[in-house]
């Protein structure tokens, strides 16, 4: 890639977390005007984790929800979001109950 190509290409990172505390990140160089969907397909993460169709995924760029057809900018981080298994409020309640069982209040 020559100097002219450097300015007309985008440096993109695509990330997916298949499990808690596990992150798979893929760095890409894409042509200017590339979309979120193009980055996902180039990353290989869809096939690697057998993810559903792009239009059924929850996607974002730097924590803000995006659509597959949205254009990317240089140094964007495309994120594939997993569905929550437990509502965060319910998870907090469960941790609190477990704590009470382990450390009952002295009366």
PDB file of N, CA and C in Angstrom:
ATOM      1  N   UNK A   1       0.838  -1.166   0.000  1.00  0.00           N
ATOM      2  CA  UNK A   1       0.000   0.000   0.000  1.00  0.00           C
ATOM      3  C   UNK A   1       0.889   1.237   0.000  1.00  0.00           C
ATOM      4  N   UNK A   2       0.687   2.161  -0.912  1.00  0.00           N
ATOM      5  CA  UNK A   2       1.494   3.369  -0.985  1.00  0.00           C
ATOM      6  C   UNK A   2       0.903   4.480  -0.139  1.00  0.00           C
ATOM      7  N   UNK A   3       1.563   5.643  -0.114  1.00  0.00           N
ATOM      8  CA  UNK A   3       1.089   6.757   0.701  1.00  0.00           C
ATOM      9  C   UNK A   3      -0.297   7.230   0.308  1.00  0.00           C
ATOM     10  N   UNK A   4      -0.640   7.200  -0.967  1.00  0.00           N
ATOM     11  CA  UNK A   4      -1.981   7.625  -1.394  1.00  0.00           C
ATOM     12  C   UNK A   4      -3.033   6.675  -0.848  1.00  0.00           C
ATOM     13  N   UNK A   5      -2.708   5.372  -0.805  1.00  0.00           N
ATOM     14  CA  UNK A   5      -3.655   4.389  -0.282  1.00  0.00           C
ATOM     15  C   UNK A   5      -3.863   4.562   1.215  1.00  0.00           C
ATOM     16  N   UNK A   6      -2.815   4.994   1.930  1.00  0.00           N
ATOM     17  CA  UNK A   6      -2.910   5.180   3.380  1.00  0.00           C
ATOM     18  C   UNK A   6      -3.983   6.207   3.726  1.00  0.00           C
ATOM     19  N   UNK A   7      -4.081   7.286   2.953  1.00  0.00           N
ATOM     20  CA  UNK A   7      -5.032   8.349   3.272  1.00  0.00           C
ATOM     21  C   UNK A   7      -6.444   7.998   2.848  1.00  0.00           C
ATOM     22  N   UNK A   8      -6.600   7.091   1.887  1.00  0.00           N
ATOM     23  CA  UNK A   8      -7.944   6.753   1.415  1.00  0.00           C
ATOM     24  C   UNK A   8      -8.483   5.478   2.052  1.00  0.00           C
ATOM     25  N   UNK A   9      -7.757   4.920   3.008  1.00  0.00           N
ATOM     26  CA  UNK A   9      -8.255   3.717   3.665  1.00  0.00           C
ATOM     27  C   UNK A   9      -8.550   4.011   5.134  1.00  0.00           C
ATOM     28  N   UNK A  10      -9.403   3.179   5.710  1.00  0.00           N
ATOM     29  CA  UNK A  10      -9.821   3.336   7.103  1.00  0.00           C
ATOM     30  C   UNK A  10      -9.206   2.228   7.944  1.00  0.00           C
ATOM     31  N   UNK A  11      -8.742   2.585   9.130  1.00  0.00           N
ATOM     32  CA  UNK A  11      -8.283   1.583  10.095  1.00  0.00           C
ATOM     33  C   UNK A  11      -9.456   1.318  11.024  1.00  0.00           C
ATOM     34  N   UNK A  12      -9.948   0.093  11.006  1.00  0.00           N
ATOM     35  CA  UNK A  12     -11.152  -0.286  11.751  1.00  0.00           C
ATOM     36  C   UNK A  12     -10.820  -1.478  12.634  1.00  0.00           C
ATOM     37  N   UNK A  13     -11.422  -1.499  13.814  1.00  0.00           N
ATOM     38  CA  UNK A  13     -11.310  -2.662  14.696  1.00  0.00           C
ATOM     39  C   UNK A  13     -12.725  -3.199  14.914  1.00  0.00           C
ATOM     40  N   UNK A  14     -12.890  -4.508  14.767  1.00  0.00           N
ATOM     41  CA  UNK A  14     -14.182  -5.161  15.003  1.00  0.00           C
ATOM     42  C   UNK A  14     -13.993  -6.066  16.215  1.00  0.00           C
ATOM     43  N   UNK A  15     -14.886  -5.934  17.212  1.00  0.00           N
ATOM     44  CA  UNK A  15     -14.745  -6.709  18.441  1.00  0.00           C
ATOM     45  C   UNK A  15     -16.030  -7.460  18.778  1.00  0.00           C
ATOM     46  N   UNK A  16     -15.840  -8.626  19.378  1.00  0.00           N
ATOM     47  CA  UNK A  16     -16.957  -9.446  19.850  1.00  0.00           C
ATOM     48  C   UNK A  16     -16.505 -10.155  21.109  1.00  0.00           C
ATOM     49  N   UNK A  17     -17.392 -10.233  22.077  1.00  0.00           N
ATOM     50  CA  UNK A  17     -17.107 -10.932  23.320  1.00  0.00           C
ATOM     51  C   UNK A  17     -17.996 -12.171  23.388  1.00  0.00           C
ATOM     52  N   UNK A  18     -17.462 -13.349  23.054  1.00  0.00           N
ATOM     53  CA  UNK A  18     -18.274 -14.563  23.058  1.00  0.00           C
ATOM     54  C   UNK A  18     -18.652 -15.033  24.456  1.00  0.00           C
ATOM     55  N   UNK A  19     -17.922 -14.577  25.474  1.00  0.00           N
ATOM     56  CA  UNK A  19     -18.171 -14.970  26.866  1.00  0.00           C
ATOM     57  C   UNK A  19     -17.672 -13.842  27.768  1.00  0.00           C
ATOM     58  N   UNK A  20     -18.126 -13.816  29.007  1.00  0.00           N
ATOM     59  CA  UNK A  20     -17.646 -12.778  29.921  1.00  0.00           C
ATOM     60  C   UNK A  20     -16.117 -12.791  30.023  1.00  0.00           C
ATOM     61  N   UNK A  21     -15.529 -11.616  30.019  1.00  0.00           N
ATOM     62  CA  UNK A  21     -14.088 -11.417  30.143  1.00  0.00           C
ATOM     63  C   UNK A  21     -13.268 -12.034  29.011  1.00  0.00           C
ATOM     64  N   UNK A  22     -13.897 -12.287  27.858  1.00  0.00           N
ATOM     65  CA  UNK A  22     -13.205 -12.794  26.674  1.00  0.00           C
ATOM     66  C   UNK A  22     -13.551 -11.852  25.520  1.00  0.00           C
ATOM     67  N   UNK A  23     -12.529 -11.321  24.846  1.00  0.00           N
ATOM     68  CA  UNK A  23     -12.764 -10.407  23.729  1.00  0.00           C
ATOM     69  C   UNK A  23     -11.943 -10.860  22.532  1.00  0.00           C
ATOM     70  N   UNK A  24     -12.593 -10.961  21.390  1.00  0.00           N
ATOM     71  CA  UNK A  24     -11.922 -11.277  20.129  1.00  0.00           C
ATOM     72  C   UNK A  24     -11.941  -9.995  19.303  1.00  0.00           C
ATOM     73  N   UNK A  25     -10.775  -9.443  19.018  1.00  0.00           N
ATOM     74  CA  UNK A  25     -10.658  -8.196  18.265  1.00  0.00           C
ATOM     75  C   UNK A  25      -9.911  -8.450  16.966  1.00  0.00           C
ATOM     76  N   UNK A  26     -10.432  -7.874  15.879  1.00  0.00           N
ATOM     77  CA  UNK A  26      -9.817  -8.016  14.565  1.00  0.00           C
ATOM     78  C   UNK A  26      -9.575  -6.618  14.011  1.00  0.00           C
ATOM     79  N   UNK A  27      -8.325  -6.326  13.639  1.00  0.00           N
ATOM     80  CA  UNK A  27      -7.987  -5.040  13.030  1.00  0.00           C
ATOM     81  C   UNK A  27      -8.039  -5.185  11.522  1.00  0.00           C
ATOM     82  N   UNK A  28      -8.628  -4.185  10.875  1.00  0.00           N
ATOM     83  CA  UNK A  28      -8.808  -4.218   9.421  1.00  0.00           C
ATOM     84  C   UNK A  28      -8.384  -2.907   8.790  1.00  0.00           C
ATOM     85  N   UNK A  29      -8.093  -2.955   7.505  1.00  0.00           N
ATOM     86  CA  UNK A  29      -7.955  -1.757   6.675  1.00  0.00           C
ATOM     87  C   UNK A  29      -9.001  -1.891   5.591  1.00  0.00           C
ATOM     88  N   UNK A  30      -9.895  -0.930   5.534  1.00  0.00           N
ATOM     89  CA  UNK A  30     -10.986  -0.950   4.562  1.00  0.00           C
ATOM     90  C   UNK A  30     -10.946   0.321   3.731  1.00  0.00           C
ATOM     91  N   UNK A  31     -11.524   0.280   2.531  1.00  0.00           N
ATOM     92  CA  UNK A  31     -11.550   1.495   1.713  1.00  0.00           C
ATOM     93  C   UNK A  31     -12.456   2.559   2.328  1.00  0.00           C
ATOM     94  N   UNK A  32     -12.161   3.810   2.039  1.00  0.00           N
ATOM     95  CA  UNK A  32     -13.002   4.912   2.510  1.00  0.00           C
ATOM     96  C   UNK A  32     -14.433   4.660   2.046  1.00  0.00           C
ATOM     97  N   UNK A  33     -15.392   4.985   2.897  1.00  0.00           N
ATOM     98  CA  UNK A  33     -16.796   4.769   2.566  1.00  0.00           C
ATOM     99  C   UNK A  33     -17.311   3.402   2.981  1.00  0.00           C
ATOM    100  N   UNK A  34     -16.477   2.593   3.612  1.00  0.00           N
ATOM    101  CA  UNK A  34     -16.899   1.252   4.049  1.00  0.00           C
ATOM    102  C   UNK A  34     -17.992   1.375   5.105  1.00  0.00           C
ATOM    103  N   UNK A  35     -18.821   0.342   5.171  1.00  0.00           N
ATOM    104  CA  UNK A  35     -19.941   0.328   6.117  1.00  0.00           C
ATOM    105  C   UNK A  35     -19.678  -0.650   7.257  1.00  0.00           C
ATOM    106  N   UNK A  36     -20.532  -0.571   8.264  1.00  0.00           N
ATOM    107  CA  UNK A  36     -20.456  -1.490   9.404  1.00  0.00           C
ATOM    108  C   UNK A  36     -20.563  -2.927   8.907  1.00  0.00           C
ATOM    109  N   UNK A  37     -21.489  -3.183   8.011  1.00  0.00           N
ATOM    110  CA  UNK A  37     -21.676  -4.544   7.493  1.00  0.00           C
ATOM    111  C   UNK A  37     -20.424  -5.044   6.774  1.00  0.00           C
ATOM    112  N   UNK A  38     -19.790  -4.193   5.976  1.00  0.00           N
ATOM    113  CA  UNK A  38     -18.571  -4.613   5.274  1.00  0.00           C
ATOM    114  C   UNK A  38     -17.471  -4.977   6.273  1.00  0.00           C
ATOM    115  N   UNK A  39     -17.350  -4.203   7.336  1.00  0.00           N
ATOM    116  CA  UNK A  39     -16.341  -4.500   8.360  1.00  0.00           C
ATOM    117  C   UNK A  39     -16.628  -5.840   9.029  1.00  0.00           C
ATOM    118  N   UNK A  40     -17.905  -6.102   9.318  1.00  0.00           N
ATOM    119  CA  UNK A  40     -18.270  -7.370   9.953  1.00  0.00           C
ATOM    120  C   UNK A  40     -17.921  -8.549   9.052  1.00  0.00           C
ATOM    121  N   UNK A  41     -18.250  -8.442   7.796  1.00  0.00           N
ATOM    122  CA  UNK A  41     -17.984  -9.544   6.868  1.00  0.00           C
ATOM    123  C   UNK A  41     -16.477  -9.764   6.685  1.00  0.00           C
ATOM    124  N   UNK A  42     -15.714  -8.682   6.594  1.00  0.00           N
ATOM    125  CA  UNK A  42     -14.262  -8.793   6.430  1.00  0.00           C
ATOM    126  C   UNK A  42     -13.581  -9.371   7.669  1.00  0.00           C
ATOM    127  N   UNK A  43     -14.146  -9.131   8.827  1.00  0.00           N
ATOM    128  CA  UNK A  43     -13.513  -9.560  10.081  1.00  0.00           C
ATOM    129  C   UNK A  43     -13.481 -11.078  10.244  1.00  0.00           C
ATOM    130  N   UNK A  44     -14.459 -11.761   9.676  1.00  0.00           N
ATOM    131  CA  UNK A  44     -14.542 -13.213   9.832  1.00  0.00           C
ATOM    132  C   UNK A  44     -15.202 -13.644  11.134  1.00  0.00           C
ATOM    133  N   UNK A  45     -15.599 -12.694  11.973  1.00  0.00           N
ATOM    134  CA  UNK A  45     -16.206 -13.040  13.262  1.00  0.00           C
ATOM    135  C   UNK A  45     -17.587 -13.685  13.097  1.00  0.00           C
ATOM    136  N   UNK A  46     -18.307 -13.316  12.046  1.00  0.00           N
ATOM    137  CA  UNK A  46     -19.646 -13.894  11.835  1.00  0.00           C
ATOM    138  C   UNK A  46     -19.551 -15.406  11.663  1.00  0.00           C
ATOM    139  N   UNK A  47     -18.600 -15.840  10.847  1.00  0.00           N
ATOM    140  CA  UNK A  47     -18.430 -17.271  10.599  1.00  0.00           C
ATOM    141  C   UNK A  47     -17.786 -17.967  11.804  1.00  0.00           C
ATOM    142  N   UNK A  48     -16.782 -17.314  12.399  1.00  0.00           N
ATOM    143  CA  UNK A  48     -16.042 -17.927  13.509  1.00  0.00           C
ATOM    144  C   UNK A  48     -16.964 -18.284  14.673  1.00  0.00           C
ATOM    145  N   UNK A  49     -17.942 -17.417  14.957  1.00  0.00           N
ATOM    146  CA  UNK A  49     -18.844 -17.654  16.091  1.00  0.00           C
ATOM    147  C   UNK A  49     -20.252 -18.026  15.656  1.00  0.00           C
ATOM    148  N   UNK A  50     -20.436 -18.286  14.375  1.00  0.00           N
ATOM    149  CA  UNK A  50     -21.730 -18.688  13.826  1.00  0.00           C
ATOM    150  C   UNK A  50     -22.837 -17.745  14.305  1.00  0.00           C
ATOM    151  N   UNK A  51     -22.601 -16.456  14.102  1.00  0.00           N
ATOM    152  CA  UNK A  51     -23.564 -15.438  14.518  1.00  0.00           C
ATOM    153  C   UNK A  51     -24.708 -15.357  13.521  1.00  0.00           C
ATOM    154  N   UNK A  52     -25.866 -14.864  13.964  1.00  0.00           N
ATOM    155  CA  UNK A  52     -27.005 -14.751  13.046  1.00  0.00           C
ATOM    156  C   UNK A  52     -26.741 -13.706  11.958  1.00  0.00           C
ATOM    157  N   UNK A  53     -27.688 -13.546  11.068  1.00  0.00           N
ATOM    158  CA  UNK A  53     -27.572 -12.581   9.973  1.00  0.00           C
ATOM    159  C   UNK A  53     -27.279 -11.188  10.524  1.00  0.00           C
ATOM    160  N   UNK A  54     -26.533 -10.413   9.758  1.00  0.00           N
ATOM    161  CA  UNK A  54     -26.105  -9.083  10.192  1.00  0.00           C
ATOM    162  C   UNK A  54     -27.282  -8.215  10.621  1.00  0.00           C
ATOM    163  N   UNK A  55     -28.397  -8.300   9.909  1.00  0.00           N
ATOM    164  CA  UNK A  55     -29.553  -7.446  10.243  1.00  0.00           C
ATOM    165  C   UNK A  55     -30.236  -7.865  11.545  1.00  0.00           C
ATOM    166  N   UNK A  56     -29.846  -9.009  12.126  1.00  0.00           N
ATOM    167  CA  UNK A  56     -30.428  -9.454  13.396  1.00  0.00           C
ATOM    168  C   UNK A  56     -29.496  -9.207  14.584  1.00  0.00           C
ATOM    169  N   UNK A  57     -28.320  -8.663  14.316  1.00  0.00           N
ATOM    170  CA  UNK A  57     -27.341  -8.422  15.380  1.00  0.00           C
ATOM    171  C   UNK A  57     -27.526  -7.036  15.993  1.00  0.00           C
ATOM    172  N   UNK A  58     -27.189  -6.914  17.259  1.00  0.00           N
ATOM    173  CA  UNK A  58     -27.124  -5.614  17.913  1.00  0.00           C
ATOM    174  C   UNK A  58     -25.701  -5.108  17.707  1.00  0.00           C
ATOM    175  N   UNK A  59     -25.567  -3.958  17.048  1.00  0.00           N
ATOM    176  CA  UNK A  59     -24.264  -3.441  16.661  1.00  0.00           C
ATOM    177  C   UNK A  59     -24.062  -2.029  17.178  1.00  0.00           C
ATOM    178  N   UNK A  60     -22.807  -1.654  17.315  1.00  0.00           N
ATOM    179  CA  UNK A  60     -22.498  -0.291  17.720  1.00  0.00           C
ATOM    180  C   UNK A  60     -21.110   0.096  17.276  1.00  0.00           C
ATOM    181  N   UNK A  61     -20.847   1.393  17.336  1.00  0.00           N
ATOM    182  CA  UNK A  61     -19.521   1.931  17.096  1.00  0.00           C
ATOM    183  C   UNK A  61     -19.198   2.802  18.292  1.00  0.00           C
ATOM    184  N   UNK A  62     -18.157   2.434  19.013  1.00  0.00           N
ATOM    185  CA  UNK A  62     -17.761   3.132  20.231  1.00  0.00           C
ATOM    186  C   UNK A  62     -18.928   3.303  21.199  1.00  0.00           C
ATOM    187  N   UNK A  63     -19.732   2.248  21.371  1.00  0.00           N
ATOM    188  CA  UNK A  63     -20.802   2.251  22.368  1.00  0.00           C
ATOM    189  C   UNK A  63     -22.104   2.889  21.920  1.00  0.00           C
ATOM    190  N   UNK A  64     -22.177   3.365  20.698  1.00  0.00           N
ATOM    191  CA  UNK A  64     -23.416   3.967  20.187  1.00  0.00           C
ATOM    192  C   UNK A  64     -24.003   3.044  19.131  1.00  0.00           C
ATOM    193  N   UNK A  65     -25.292   2.746  19.265  1.00  0.00           N
ATOM    194  CA  UNK A  65     -25.955   1.816  18.343  1.00  0.00           C
ATOM    195  C   UNK A  65     -25.844   2.293  16.897  1.00  0.00           C
ATOM    196  N   UNK A  66     -25.604   1.345  15.998  1.00  0.00           N
ATOM    197  CA  UNK A  66     -25.464   1.631  14.578  1.00  0.00           C
ATOM    198  C   UNK A  66     -26.215   0.586  13.769  1.00  0.00           C
ATOM    199  N   UNK A  67     -26.523   0.922  12.550  1.00  0.00           N
ATOM    200  CA  UNK A  67     -27.142   0.001  11.605  1.00  0.00           C
ATOM    201  C   UNK A  67     -26.065  -0.567  10.687  1.00  0.00           C
ATOM    202  N   UNK A  68     -26.325  -1.729  10.082  1.00  0.00           N
ATOM    203  CA  UNK A  68     -25.311  -2.326   9.203  1.00  0.00           C
ATOM    204  C   UNK A  68     -24.887  -1.420   8.047  1.00  0.00           C
ATOM    205  N   UNK A  69     -25.773  -0.572   7.556  1.00  0.00           N
ATOM    206  CA  UNK A  69     -25.449   0.280   6.412  1.00  0.00           C
ATOM    207  C   UNK A  69     -24.776   1.590   6.759  1.00  0.00           C
ATOM    208  N   UNK A  70     -24.547   1.860   8.033  1.00  0.00           N
ATOM    209  CA  UNK A  70     -23.913   3.119   8.436  1.00  0.00           C
ATOM    210  C   UNK A  70     -22.450   3.149   8.020  1.00  0.00           C
ATOM    211  N   UNK A  71     -22.002   4.330   7.566  1.00  0.00           N
ATOM    212  CA  UNK A  71     -20.618   4.507   7.129  1.00  0.00           C
ATOM    213  C   UNK A  71     -19.682   4.579   8.334  1.00  0.00           C
ATOM    214  N   UNK A  72     -18.465   4.124   8.107  1.00  0.00           N
ATOM    215  CA  UNK A  72     -17.447   4.145   9.159  1.00  0.00           C
ATOM    216  C   UNK A  72     -16.452   5.272   8.927  1.00  0.00           C
ATOM    217  N   UNK A  73     -15.765   5.647   9.986  1.00  0.00           N
ATOM    218  CA  UNK A  73     -14.709   6.651   9.934  1.00  0.00           C
ATOM    219  C   UNK A  73     -13.411   6.006  10.394  1.00  0.00           C
ATOM    220  N   UNK A  74     -12.302   6.648  10.062  1.00  0.00           N
ATOM    221  CA  UNK A  74     -11.000   6.117  10.441  1.00  0.00           C
ATOM    222  C   UNK A  74     -10.924   5.908  11.958  1.00  0.00           C
ATOM    223  N   UNK A  75     -10.384   4.779  12.365  1.00  0.00           N
ATOM    224  CA  UNK A  75     -10.165   4.375  13.753  1.00  0.00           C
ATOM    225  C   UNK A  75     -11.459   4.087  14.517  1.00  0.00           C
ATOM    226  N   UNK A  76     -12.540   3.755  13.809  1.00  0.00           N
ATOM    227  CA  UNK A  76     -13.778   3.334  14.478  1.00  0.00           C
ATOM    228  C   UNK A  76     -13.592   1.937  15.051  1.00  0.00           C
ATOM    229  N   UNK A  77     -14.338   1.661  16.108  1.00  0.00           N
ATOM    230  CA  UNK A  77     -14.355   0.339  16.747  1.00  0.00           C
ATOM    231  C   UNK A  77     -15.785  -0.186  16.625  1.00  0.00           C
ATOM    232  N   UNK A  78     -15.975  -1.180  15.769  1.00  0.00           N
ATOM    233  CA  UNK A  78     -17.285  -1.788  15.561  1.00  0.00           C
ATOM    234  C   UNK A  78     -17.466  -2.870  16.615  1.00  0.00           C
ATOM    235  N   UNK A  79     -18.600  -2.829  17.318  1.00  0.00           N
ATOM    236  CA  UNK A  79     -18.862  -3.766  18.414  1.00  0.00           C
ATOM    237  C   UNK A  79     -20.100  -4.601  18.106  1.00  0.00           C
ATOM    238  N   UNK A  80     -19.993  -5.891  18.346  1.00  0.00           N
ATOM    239  CA  UNK A  80     -21.125  -6.808  18.219  1.00  0.00           C
ATOM    240  C   UNK A  80     -21.568  -7.120  19.641  1.00  0.00           C
ATOM    241  N   UNK A  81     -22.816  -6.818  19.956  1.00  0.00           N
ATOM    242  CA  UNK A  81     -23.308  -6.996  21.322  1.00  0.00           C
ATOM    243  C   UNK A  81     -24.035  -8.325  21.479  1.00  0.00           C
ATOM    244  N   UNK A  82     -23.735  -9.020  22.594  1.00  0.00           N
ATOM    245  CA  UNK A  82     -24.439 -10.260  22.941  1.00  0.00           C
ATOM    246  C   UNK A  82     -25.720  -9.896  23.669  1.00  0.00           C
ATOM    247  N   UNK A  83     -26.767 -10.706  23.519  1.00  0.00           N
ATOM    248  CA  UNK A  83     -27.972 -10.459  24.335  1.00  0.00           C
ATOM    249  C   UNK A  83     -27.672 -10.779  25.798  1.00  0.00           C
ATOM    250  N   UNK A  84     -28.298 -10.060  26.693  1.00  0.00           N
ATOM    251  CA  UNK A  84     -28.114 -10.313  28.122  1.00  0.00           C
ATOM    252  C   UNK A  84     -28.823 -11.605  28.505  1.00  0.00           C
ATOM    253  N   UNK A  85     -28.173 -12.415  29.333  1.00  0.00           N
ATOM    254  CA  UNK A  85     -28.806 -13.642  29.812  1.00  0.00           C
ATOM    255  C   UNK A  85     -29.673 -13.367  31.021  1.00  0.00           C
ATOM    256  N   UNK A  86     -29.276 -12.374  31.816  1.00  0.00           N
ATOM    257  CA  UNK A  86     -30.017 -12.006  33.016  1.00  0.00           C
ATOM    258  C   UNK A  86     -30.102 -10.484  33.053  1.00  0.00           C
ATOM    259  N   UNK A  87     -31.266  -9.980  33.412  1.00  0.00           N
ATOM    260  CA  UNK A  87     -31.434  -8.548  33.578  1.00  0.00           C
ATOM    261  C   UNK A  87     -30.456  -8.066  34.647  1.00  0.00           C
ATOM    262  N   UNK A  88     -29.726  -6.969  34.407  1.00  0.00           N
ATOM    263  CA  UNK A  88     -28.742  -6.502  35.396  1.00  0.00           C
ATOM    264  C   UNK A  88     -29.325  -6.262  36.790  1.00  0.00           C
ATOM    265  N   UNK A  89     -30.555  -5.768  36.869  1.00  0.00           N
ATOM    266  CA  UNK A  89     -31.170  -5.547  38.186  1.00  0.00           C
ATOM    267  C   UNK A  89     -31.424  -6.875  38.895  1.00  0.00           C
ATOM    268  N   UNK A  90     -31.870  -7.859  38.141  1.00  0.00           N
ATOM    269  CA  UNK A  90     -32.115  -9.179  38.729  1.00  0.00           C
ATOM    270  C   UNK A  90     -30.800  -9.820  39.168  1.00  0.00           C
ATOM    271  N   UNK A  91     -29.744  -9.657  38.390  1.00  0.00           N
ATOM    272  CA  UNK A  91     -28.438 -10.203  38.767  1.00  0.00           C
ATOM    273  C   UNK A  91     -27.965  -9.583  40.084  1.00  0.00           C
ATOM    274  N   UNK A  92     -28.176  -8.301  40.249  1.00  0.00           N
ATOM    275  CA  UNK A  92     -27.799  -7.627  41.499  1.00  0.00           C
ATOM    276  C   UNK A  92     -28.589  -8.192  42.676  1.00  0.00           C
ATOM    277  N   UNK A  93     -29.891  -8.415  42.466  1.00  0.00           N
ATOM    278  CA  UNK A  93     -30.723  -9.001  43.529  1.00  0.00           C
ATOM    279  C   UNK A  93     -30.218 -10.390  43.918  1.00  0.00           C
ATOM    280  N   UNK A  94     -29.862 -11.192  42.923  1.00  0.00           N
ATOM    281  CA  UNK A  94     -29.363 -12.544  43.186  1.00  0.00           C
ATOM    282  C   UNK A  94     -28.053 -12.509  43.972  1.00  0.00           C
ATOM    283  N   UNK A  95     -27.150 -11.588  43.610  1.00  0.00           N
ATOM    284  CA  UNK A  95     -25.893 -11.472  44.359  1.00  0.00           C
ATOM    285  C   UNK A  95     -26.173 -11.051  45.802  1.00  0.00           C
ATOM    286  N   UNK A  96     -27.111 -10.145  46.001  1.00  0.00           N
ATOM    287  CA  UNK A  96     -27.452  -9.672  47.344  1.00  0.00           C
ATOM    288  C   UNK A  96     -28.009 -10.821  48.185  1.00  0.00           C
ATOM    289  N   UNK A  97     -28.936 -11.610  47.598  1.00  0.00           N
ATOM    290  CA  UNK A  97     -29.508 -12.755  48.323  1.00  0.00           C
ATOM    291  C   UNK A  97     -28.425 -13.763  48.691  1.00  0.00           C
ATOM    292  N   UNK A  98     -27.493 -14.035  47.750  1.00  0.00           N
ATOM    293  CA  UNK A  98     -26.407 -14.979  48.024  1.00  0.00           C
ATOM    294  C   UNK A  98     -25.514 -14.461  49.144  1.00  0.00           C
ATOM    295  N   UNK A  99     -25.283 -13.174  49.166  1.00  0.00           N
ATOM    296  CA  UNK A  99     -24.472 -12.576  50.229  1.00  0.00           C
ATOM    297  C   UNK A  99     -25.156 -12.750  51.581  1.00  0.00           C
ATOM    298  N   UNK A 100     -26.478 -12.534  51.619  1.00  0.00           N
ATOM    299  CA  UNK A 100     -27.222 -12.692  52.873  1.00  0.00           C
ATOM    300  C   UNK A 100     -27.185 -14.135  53.376  1.00  0.00           C
ATOM    301  N   UNK A 101     -27.221 -15.082  52.441  1.00  0.00           N
ATOM    302  CA  UNK A 101     -27.171 -16.488  52.836  1.00  0.00           C
ATOM    303  C   UNK A 101     -25.787 -16.853  53.392  1.00  0.00           C
ATOM    304  N   UNK A 102     -24.739 -16.305  52.826  1.00  0.00           N
ATOM    305  CA  UNK A 102     -23.387 -16.599  53.276  1.00  0.00           C
ATOM    306  C   UNK A 102     -23.063 -15.906  54.598  1.00  0.00           C
ATOM    307  N   UNK A 103     -23.561 -14.688  54.731  1.00  0.00           N
ATOM    308  CA  UNK A 103     -23.244 -13.885  55.925  1.00  0.00           C
ATOM    309  C   UNK A 103     -24.530 -13.408  56.575  1.00  0.00           C
ATOM    310  N   UNK A 104     -25.251 -14.297  57.248  1.00  0.00           N
ATOM    311  CA  UNK A 104     -26.511 -13.881  57.867  1.00  0.00           C
ATOM    312  C   UNK A 104     -26.259 -12.817  58.943  1.00  0.00           C
ATOM    313  N   UNK A 105     -27.189 -11.907  59.037  1.00  0.00           N
ATOM    314  CA  UNK A 105     -27.066 -10.820  60.025  1.00  0.00           C
ATOM    315  C   UNK A 105     -27.160 -11.381  61.442  1.00  0.00           C
ATOM    316  N   UNK A 106     -26.311 -10.890  62.316  1.00  0.00           N
ATOM    317  CA  UNK A 106     -26.358 -11.336  63.722  1.00  0.00           C
ATOM    318  C   UNK A 106     -27.435 -10.534  64.418  1.00  0.00           C
ATOM    319  N   UNK A 107     -28.299 -11.237  65.132  1.00  0.00           N
ATOM    320  CA  UNK A 107     -29.407 -10.540  65.806  1.00  0.00           C
ATOM    321  C   UNK A 107     -29.329 -10.718  67.270  1.00  0.00           C
TER     322      UNK A 107
END
